[in-house]
Amino acid sequence: MTVNEYQVTGMTCGHCEMSVREEVSEIAGVDGIQVSAKTGKLVVTSSQPIDDAAVLAAVDEAGYSAVRV
């Protein structure tokens, strides 16, 4: 299992979390997503490596910015 962590800026509520979760869940290979507006943390788990650019693009599509940590 692969676990990637990201710091997301701009999230303030549960709706923000849902938007990020929906976009990231569309990436092929993603098995699990944990996202917290309170901490700004996004954790993506997968059975195989996921391209960081795809995750960052998905977060951007949701209207937020992220960096890998």
PDB file of N, CA and C in Angstrom:
ATOM      1  N   MET A   1       0.830  -1.181   0.000  1.00  0.00           N
ATOM      2  CA  MET A   1       0.000   0.000   0.000  1.00  0.00           C
ATOM      3  C   MET A   1       0.879   1.250   0.000  1.00  0.00           C
ATOM      4  N   THR A   2       0.454   2.240  -0.749  1.00  0.00           N
ATOM      5  CA  THR A   2       1.156   3.510  -0.826  1.00  0.00           C
ATOM      6  C   THR A   2       0.329   4.575  -0.125  1.00  0.00           C
ATOM      7  N   VAL A   3       0.984   5.392   0.703  1.00  0.00           N
ATOM      8  CA  VAL A   3       0.306   6.485   1.399  1.00  0.00           C
ATOM      9  C   VAL A   3       1.009   7.790   1.050  1.00  0.00           C
ATOM     10  N   ASN A   4       0.244   8.742   0.504  1.00  0.00           N
ATOM     11  CA  ASN A   4       0.781  10.057   0.164  1.00  0.00           C
ATOM     12  C   ASN A   4       0.049  11.101   0.986  1.00  0.00           C
ATOM     13  N   GLU A   5       0.810  12.056   1.544  1.00  0.00           N
ATOM     14  CA  GLU A   5       0.213  13.115   2.345  1.00  0.00           C
ATOM     15  C   GLU A   5       0.430  14.462   1.670  1.00  0.00           C
ATOM     16  N   TYR A   6      -0.600  15.301   1.763  1.00  0.00           N
ATOM     17  CA  TYR A   6      -0.574  16.631   1.152  1.00  0.00           C
ATOM     18  C   TYR A   6      -1.109  17.647   2.146  1.00  0.00           C
ATOM     19  N   GLN A   7      -0.630  18.874   2.013  1.00  0.00           N
ATOM     20  CA  GLN A   7      -1.166  19.988   2.791  1.00  0.00           C
ATOM     21  C   GLN A   7      -1.997  20.829   1.833  1.00  0.00           C
ATOM     22  N   VAL A   8      -3.293  20.982   2.162  1.00  0.00           N
ATOM     23  CA  VAL A   8      -4.227  21.709   1.310  1.00  0.00           C
ATOM     24  C   VAL A   8      -4.547  23.044   1.974  1.00  0.00           C
ATOM     25  N   THR A   9      -4.503  24.128   1.203  1.00  0.00           N
ATOM     26  CA  THR A   9      -4.840  25.444   1.733  1.00  0.00           C
ATOM     27  C   THR A   9      -6.170  25.909   1.155  1.00  0.00           C
ATOM     28  N   GLY A  10      -6.911  26.609   1.997  1.00  0.00           N
ATOM     29  CA  GLY A  10      -8.165  27.203   1.563  1.00  0.00           C
ATOM     30  C   GLY A  10      -9.422  26.482   2.027  1.00  0.00           C
ATOM     31  N   MET A  11      -9.290  25.279   2.572  1.00  0.00           N
ATOM     32  CA  MET A  11     -10.476  24.551   3.038  1.00  0.00           C
ATOM     33  C   MET A  11     -10.924  25.124   4.386  1.00  0.00           C
ATOM     34  N   THR A  12     -12.257  25.302   4.539  1.00  0.00           N
ATOM     35  CA  THR A  12     -12.767  25.870   5.782  1.00  0.00           C
ATOM     36  C   THR A  12     -13.912  25.065   6.400  1.00  0.00           C
ATOM     37  N   CYS A  13     -14.454  24.087   5.661  1.00  0.00           N
ATOM     38  CA  CYS A  13     -15.658  23.412   6.167  1.00  0.00           C
ATOM     39  C   CYS A  13     -15.806  22.007   5.568  1.00  0.00           C
ATOM     40  N   GLY A  14     -16.870  21.339   5.983  1.00  0.00           N
ATOM     41  CA  GLY A  14     -17.159  19.998   5.484  1.00  0.00           C
ATOM     42  C   GLY A  14     -17.426  19.971   3.991  1.00  0.00           C
ATOM     43  N   HIS A  15     -18.024  21.025   3.465  1.00  0.00           N
ATOM     44  CA  HIS A  15     -18.266  21.088   2.018  1.00  0.00           C
ATOM     45  C   HIS A  15     -16.942  21.113   1.262  1.00  0.00           C
ATOM     46  N   CYS A  16     -15.975  21.835   1.799  1.00  0.00           N
ATOM     47  CA  CYS A  16     -14.636  21.879   1.201  1.00  0.00           C
ATOM     48  C   CYS A  16     -14.033  20.467   1.163  1.00  0.00           C
ATOM     49  N   GLU A  17     -14.139  19.762   2.285  1.00  0.00           N
ATOM     50  CA  GLU A  17     -13.618  18.399   2.367  1.00  0.00           C
ATOM     51  C   GLU A  17     -14.287  17.510   1.323  1.00  0.00           C
ATOM     52  N   MET A  18     -15.605  17.637   1.188  1.00  0.00           N
ATOM     53  CA  MET A  18     -16.346  16.819   0.242  1.00  0.00           C
ATOM     54  C   MET A  18     -15.908  17.114  -1.199  1.00  0.00           C
ATOM     55  N   SER A  19     -15.681  18.380  -1.517  1.00  0.00           N
ATOM     56  CA  SER A  19     -15.254  18.752  -2.866  1.00  0.00           C
ATOM     57  C   SER A  19     -13.908  18.116  -3.208  1.00  0.00           C
ATOM     58  N   VAL A  20     -12.972  18.191  -2.269  1.00  0.00           N
ATOM     59  CA  VAL A  20     -11.649  17.595  -2.485  1.00  0.00           C
ATOM     60  C   VAL A  20     -11.776  16.077  -2.606  1.00  0.00           C
ATOM     61  N   ARG A  21     -12.543  15.464  -1.712  1.00  0.00           N
ATOM     62  CA  ARG A  21     -12.731  14.007  -1.719  1.00  0.00           C
ATOM     63  C   ARG A  21     -13.313  13.546  -3.055  1.00  0.00           C
ATOM     64  N   GLU A  22     -14.314  14.258  -3.558  1.00  0.00           N
ATOM     65  CA  GLU A  22     -14.949  13.872  -4.826  1.00  0.00           C
ATOM     66  C   GLU A  22     -13.963  13.924  -5.993  1.00  0.00           C
ATOM     67  N   GLU A  23     -13.182  14.987  -6.069  1.00  0.00           N
ATOM     68  CA  GLU A  23     -12.230  15.122  -7.177  1.00  0.00           C
ATOM     69  C   GLU A  23     -11.121  14.074  -7.095  1.00  0.00           C
ATOM     70  N   VAL A  24     -10.554  13.878  -5.914  1.00  0.00           N
ATOM     71  CA  VAL A  24      -9.445  12.929  -5.754  1.00  0.00           C
ATOM     72  C   VAL A  24      -9.919  11.498  -5.974  1.00  0.00           C
ATOM     73  N   SER A  25     -11.167  11.208  -5.614  1.00  0.00           N
ATOM     74  CA  SER A  25     -11.684   9.839  -5.766  1.00  0.00           C
ATOM     75  C   SER A  25     -11.797   9.412  -7.222  1.00  0.00           C
ATOM     76  N   GLU A  26     -11.768  10.370  -8.140  1.00  0.00           N
ATOM     77  CA  GLU A  26     -11.849  10.049  -9.562  1.00  0.00           C
ATOM     78  C   GLU A  26     -10.524   9.568 -10.142  1.00  0.00           C
ATOM     79  N   ILE A  27      -9.453   9.670  -9.377  1.00  0.00           N
ATOM     80  CA  ILE A  27      -8.138   9.234  -9.853  1.00  0.00           C
ATOM     81  C   ILE A  27      -8.066   7.711  -9.780  1.00  0.00           C
ATOM     82  N   ALA A  28      -7.687   7.099 -10.892  1.00  0.00           N
ATOM     83  CA  ALA A  28      -7.580   5.642 -10.953  1.00  0.00           C
ATOM     84  C   ALA A  28      -6.568   5.139  -9.933  1.00  0.00           C
ATOM     85  N   GLY A  29      -6.941   4.105  -9.192  1.00  0.00           N
ATOM     86  CA  GLY A  29      -6.028   3.479  -8.243  1.00  0.00           C
ATOM     87  C   GLY A  29      -6.178   3.956  -6.814  1.00  0.00           C
ATOM     88  N   VAL A  30      -6.917   5.046  -6.599  1.00  0.00           N
ATOM     89  CA  VAL A  30      -7.098   5.556  -5.236  1.00  0.00           C
ATOM     90  C   VAL A  30      -8.021   4.611  -4.464  1.00  0.00           C
ATOM     91  N   ASP A  31      -7.547   4.146  -3.309  1.00  0.00           N
ATOM     92  CA  ASP A  31      -8.323   3.225  -2.474  1.00  0.00           C
ATOM     93  C   ASP A  31      -8.958   3.926  -1.286  1.00  0.00           C
ATOM     94  N   GLY A  32      -8.304   4.983  -0.779  1.00  0.00           N
ATOM     95  CA  GLY A  32      -8.821   5.670   0.395  1.00  0.00           C
ATOM     96  C   GLY A  32      -8.408   7.123   0.418  1.00  0.00           C
ATOM     97  N   ILE A  33      -9.282   7.954   1.013  1.00  0.00           N
ATOM     98  CA  ILE A  33      -9.021   9.388   1.105  1.00  0.00           C
ATOM     99  C   ILE A  33      -9.431   9.853   2.493  1.00  0.00           C
ATOM    100  N   GLN A  34      -8.531  10.547   3.154  1.00  0.00           N
ATOM    101  CA  GLN A  34      -8.847  11.206   4.416  1.00  0.00           C
ATOM    102  C   GLN A  34      -8.515  12.675   4.214  1.00  0.00           C
ATOM    103  N   VAL A  35      -9.481  13.537   4.504  1.00  0.00           N
ATOM    104  CA  VAL A  35      -9.251  14.970   4.321  1.00  0.00           C
ATOM    105  C   VAL A  35      -9.856  15.722   5.496  1.00  0.00           C
ATOM    106  N   SER A  36      -9.130  16.716   5.984  1.00  0.00           N
ATOM    107  CA  SER A  36      -9.578  17.494   7.133  1.00  0.00           C
ATOM    108  C   SER A  36      -9.411  18.983   6.857  1.00  0.00           C
ATOM    109  N   ALA A  37     -10.522  19.707   6.894  1.00  0.00           N
ATOM    110  CA  ALA A  37     -10.450  21.162   6.734  1.00  0.00           C
ATOM    111  C   ALA A  37      -9.753  21.784   7.943  1.00  0.00           C
ATOM    112  N   LYS A  38      -9.932  21.177   9.103  1.00  0.00           N
ATOM    113  CA  LYS A  38      -9.356  21.713  10.340  1.00  0.00           C
ATOM    114  C   LYS A  38      -7.831  21.734  10.283  1.00  0.00           C
ATOM    115  N   THR A  39      -7.235  20.638   9.806  1.00  0.00           N
ATOM    116  CA  THR A  39      -5.767  20.546   9.751  1.00  0.00           C
ATOM    117  C   THR A  39      -5.219  20.867   8.364  1.00  0.00           C
ATOM    118  N   GLY A  40      -6.073  20.834   7.347  1.00  0.00           N
ATOM    119  CA  GLY A  40      -5.621  21.044   5.976  1.00  0.00           C
ATOM    120  C   GLY A  40      -4.919  19.825   5.406  1.00  0.00           C
ATOM    121  N   LYS A  41      -5.054  18.701   6.074  1.00  0.00           N
ATOM    122  CA  LYS A  41      -4.331  17.494   5.670  1.00  0.00           C
ATOM    123  C   LYS A  41      -5.175  16.613   4.745  1.00  0.00           C
ATOM    124  N   LEU A  42      -4.536  16.123   3.700  1.00  0.00           N
ATOM    125  CA  LEU A  42      -5.134  15.171   2.766  1.00  0.00           C
ATOM    126  C   LEU A  42      -4.224  13.954   2.721  1.00  0.00           C
ATOM    127  N   VAL A  43      -4.787  12.787   2.993  1.00  0.00           N
ATOM    128  CA  VAL A  43      -4.030  11.537   2.934  1.00  0.00           C
ATOM    129  C   VAL A  43      -4.696  10.645   1.889  1.00  0.00           C
ATOM    130  N   VAL A  44      -3.915  10.232   0.904  1.00  0.00           N
ATOM    131  CA  VAL A  44      -4.418   9.385  -0.177  1.00  0.00           C
ATOM    132  C   VAL A  44      -3.722   8.038  -0.094  1.00  0.00           C
ATOM    133  N   THR A  45      -4.497   6.965   0.010  1.00  0.00           N
ATOM    134  CA  THR A  45      -3.925   5.623   0.023  1.00  0.00           C
ATOM    135  C   THR A  45      -4.293   4.912  -1.273  1.00  0.00           C
ATOM    136  N   SER A  46      -3.361   4.067  -1.718  1.00  0.00           N
ATOM    137  CA  SER A  46      -3.564   3.337  -2.965  1.00  0.00           C
ATOM    138  C   SER A  46      -2.760   2.048  -2.933  1.00  0.00           C
ATOM    139  N   SER A  47      -3.177   1.115  -3.770  1.00  0.00           N
ATOM    140  CA  SER A  47      -2.468  -0.160  -3.835  1.00  0.00           C
ATOM    141  C   SER A  47      -1.224  -0.063  -4.698  1.00  0.00           C
ATOM    142  N   GLN A  48      -1.138   1.013  -5.487  1.00  0.00           N
ATOM    143  CA  GLN A  48       0.040   1.258  -6.327  1.00  0.00           C
ATOM    144  C   GLN A  48       0.324   2.751  -6.312  1.00  0.00           C
ATOM    145  N   PRO A  49       1.537   3.152  -6.674  1.00  0.00           N
ATOM    146  CA  PRO A  49       1.880   4.583  -6.636  1.00  0.00           C
ATOM    147  C   PRO A  49       0.917   5.427  -7.486  1.00  0.00           C
ATOM    148  N   ILE A  50       0.553   6.575  -6.938  1.00  0.00           N
ATOM    149  CA  ILE A  50      -0.321   7.529  -7.624  1.00  0.00           C
ATOM    150  C   ILE A  50       0.524   8.737  -8.005  1.00  0.00           C
ATOM    151  N   ASP A  51       0.302   9.263  -9.192  1.00  0.00           N
ATOM    152  CA  ASP A  51       1.033  10.428  -9.673  1.00  0.00           C
ATOM    153  C   ASP A  51       0.652  11.665  -8.859  1.00  0.00           C
ATOM    154  N   ASP A  52       1.644  12.303  -8.236  1.00  0.00           N
ATOM    155  CA  ASP A  52       1.385  13.514  -7.459  1.00  0.00           C
ATOM    156  C   ASP A  52       0.693  14.582  -8.294  1.00  0.00           C
ATOM    157  N   ALA A  53       1.092  14.703  -9.553  1.00  0.00           N
ATOM    158  CA  ALA A  53       0.499  15.728 -10.419  1.00  0.00           C
ATOM    159  C   ALA A  53      -1.004  15.523 -10.567  1.00  0.00           C
ATOM    160  N   ALA A  54      -1.446  14.277 -10.601  1.00  0.00           N
ATOM    161  CA  ALA A  54      -2.880  13.989 -10.720  1.00  0.00           C
ATOM    162  C   ALA A  54      -3.614  14.415  -9.452  1.00  0.00           C
ATOM    163  N   VAL A  55      -3.024  14.167  -8.298  1.00  0.00           N
ATOM    164  CA  VAL A  55      -3.654  14.560  -7.035  1.00  0.00           C
ATOM    165  C   VAL A  55      -3.696  16.082  -6.931  1.00  0.00           C
ATOM    166  N   LEU A  56      -2.597  16.732  -7.248  1.00  0.00           N
ATOM    167  CA  LEU A  56      -2.546  18.196  -7.173  1.00  0.00           C
ATOM    168  C   LEU A  56      -3.535  18.827  -8.145  1.00  0.00           C
ATOM    169  N   ALA A  57      -3.677  18.249  -9.339  1.00  0.00           N
ATOM    170  CA  ALA A  57      -4.637  18.750 -10.323  1.00  0.00           C
ATOM    171  C   ALA A  57      -6.069  18.566  -9.834  1.00  0.00           C
ATOM    172  N   ALA A  58      -6.343  17.440  -9.169  1.00  0.00           N
ATOM    173  CA  ALA A  58      -7.686  17.179  -8.637  1.00  0.00           C
ATOM    174  C   ALA A  58      -8.025  18.181  -7.541  1.00  0.00           C
ATOM    175  N   VAL A  59      -7.066  18.466  -6.663  1.00  0.00           N
ATOM    176  CA  VAL A  59      -7.289  19.448  -5.600  1.00  0.00           C
ATOM    177  C   VAL A  59      -7.519  20.828  -6.214  1.00  0.00           C
ATOM    178  N   ASP A  60      -6.745  21.153  -7.230  1.00  0.00           N
ATOM    179  CA  ASP A  60      -6.909  22.426  -7.934  1.00  0.00           C
ATOM    180  C   ASP A  60      -8.299  22.514  -8.573  1.00  0.00           C
ATOM    181  N   GLU A  61      -8.754  21.425  -9.161  1.00  0.00           N
ATOM    182  CA  GLU A  61     -10.074  21.378  -9.783  1.00  0.00           C
ATOM    183  C   GLU A  61     -11.176  21.624  -8.740  1.00  0.00           C
ATOM    184  N   ALA A  62     -10.930  21.184  -7.505  1.00  0.00           N
ATOM    185  CA  ALA A  62     -11.886  21.402  -6.422  1.00  0.00           C
ATOM    186  C   ALA A  62     -11.853  22.845  -5.925  1.00  0.00           C
ATOM    187  N   GLY A  63     -10.832  23.601  -6.354  1.00  0.00           N
ATOM    188  CA  GLY A  63     -10.750  25.013  -5.989  1.00  0.00           C
ATOM    189  C   GLY A  63      -9.759  25.343  -4.894  1.00  0.00           C
ATOM    190  N   TYR A  64      -8.815  24.421  -4.642  1.00  0.00           N
ATOM    191  CA  TYR A  64      -7.858  24.624  -3.555  1.00  0.00           C
ATOM    192  C   TYR A  64      -6.438  24.384  -4.065  1.00  0.00           C
ATOM    193  N   SER A  65      -5.459  24.693  -3.210  1.00  0.00           N
ATOM    194  CA  SER A  65      -4.061  24.460  -3.539  1.00  0.00           C
ATOM    195  C   SER A  65      -3.504  23.421  -2.578  1.00  0.00           C
ATOM    196  N   ALA A  66      -2.546  22.635  -3.072  1.00  0.00           N
ATOM    197  CA  ALA A  66      -1.942  21.602  -2.229  1.00  0.00           C
ATOM    198  C   ALA A  66      -0.472  21.439  -2.558  1.00  0.00           C
ATOM    199  N   VAL A  67       0.267  20.953  -1.575  1.00  0.00           N
ATOM    200  CA  VAL A  67       1.671  20.565  -1.761  1.00  0.00           C
ATOM    201  C   VAL A  67       1.866  19.222  -1.064  1.00  0.00           C
ATOM    202  N   ARG A  68       2.765  18.437  -1.604  1.00  0.00           N
ATOM    203  CA  ARG A  68       3.106  17.143  -1.004  1.00  0.00           C
ATOM    204  C   ARG A  68       3.934  17.388   0.232  1.00  0.00           C
ATOM    205  N   VAL A  69       3.667  16.640   1.300  1.00  0.00           N
ATOM    206  CA  VAL A  69       4.483  16.769   2.514  1.00  0.00           C
ATOM    207  C   VAL A  69       5.129  15.450   2.844  1.00  0.00           C
TER     208      VAL A  69
END
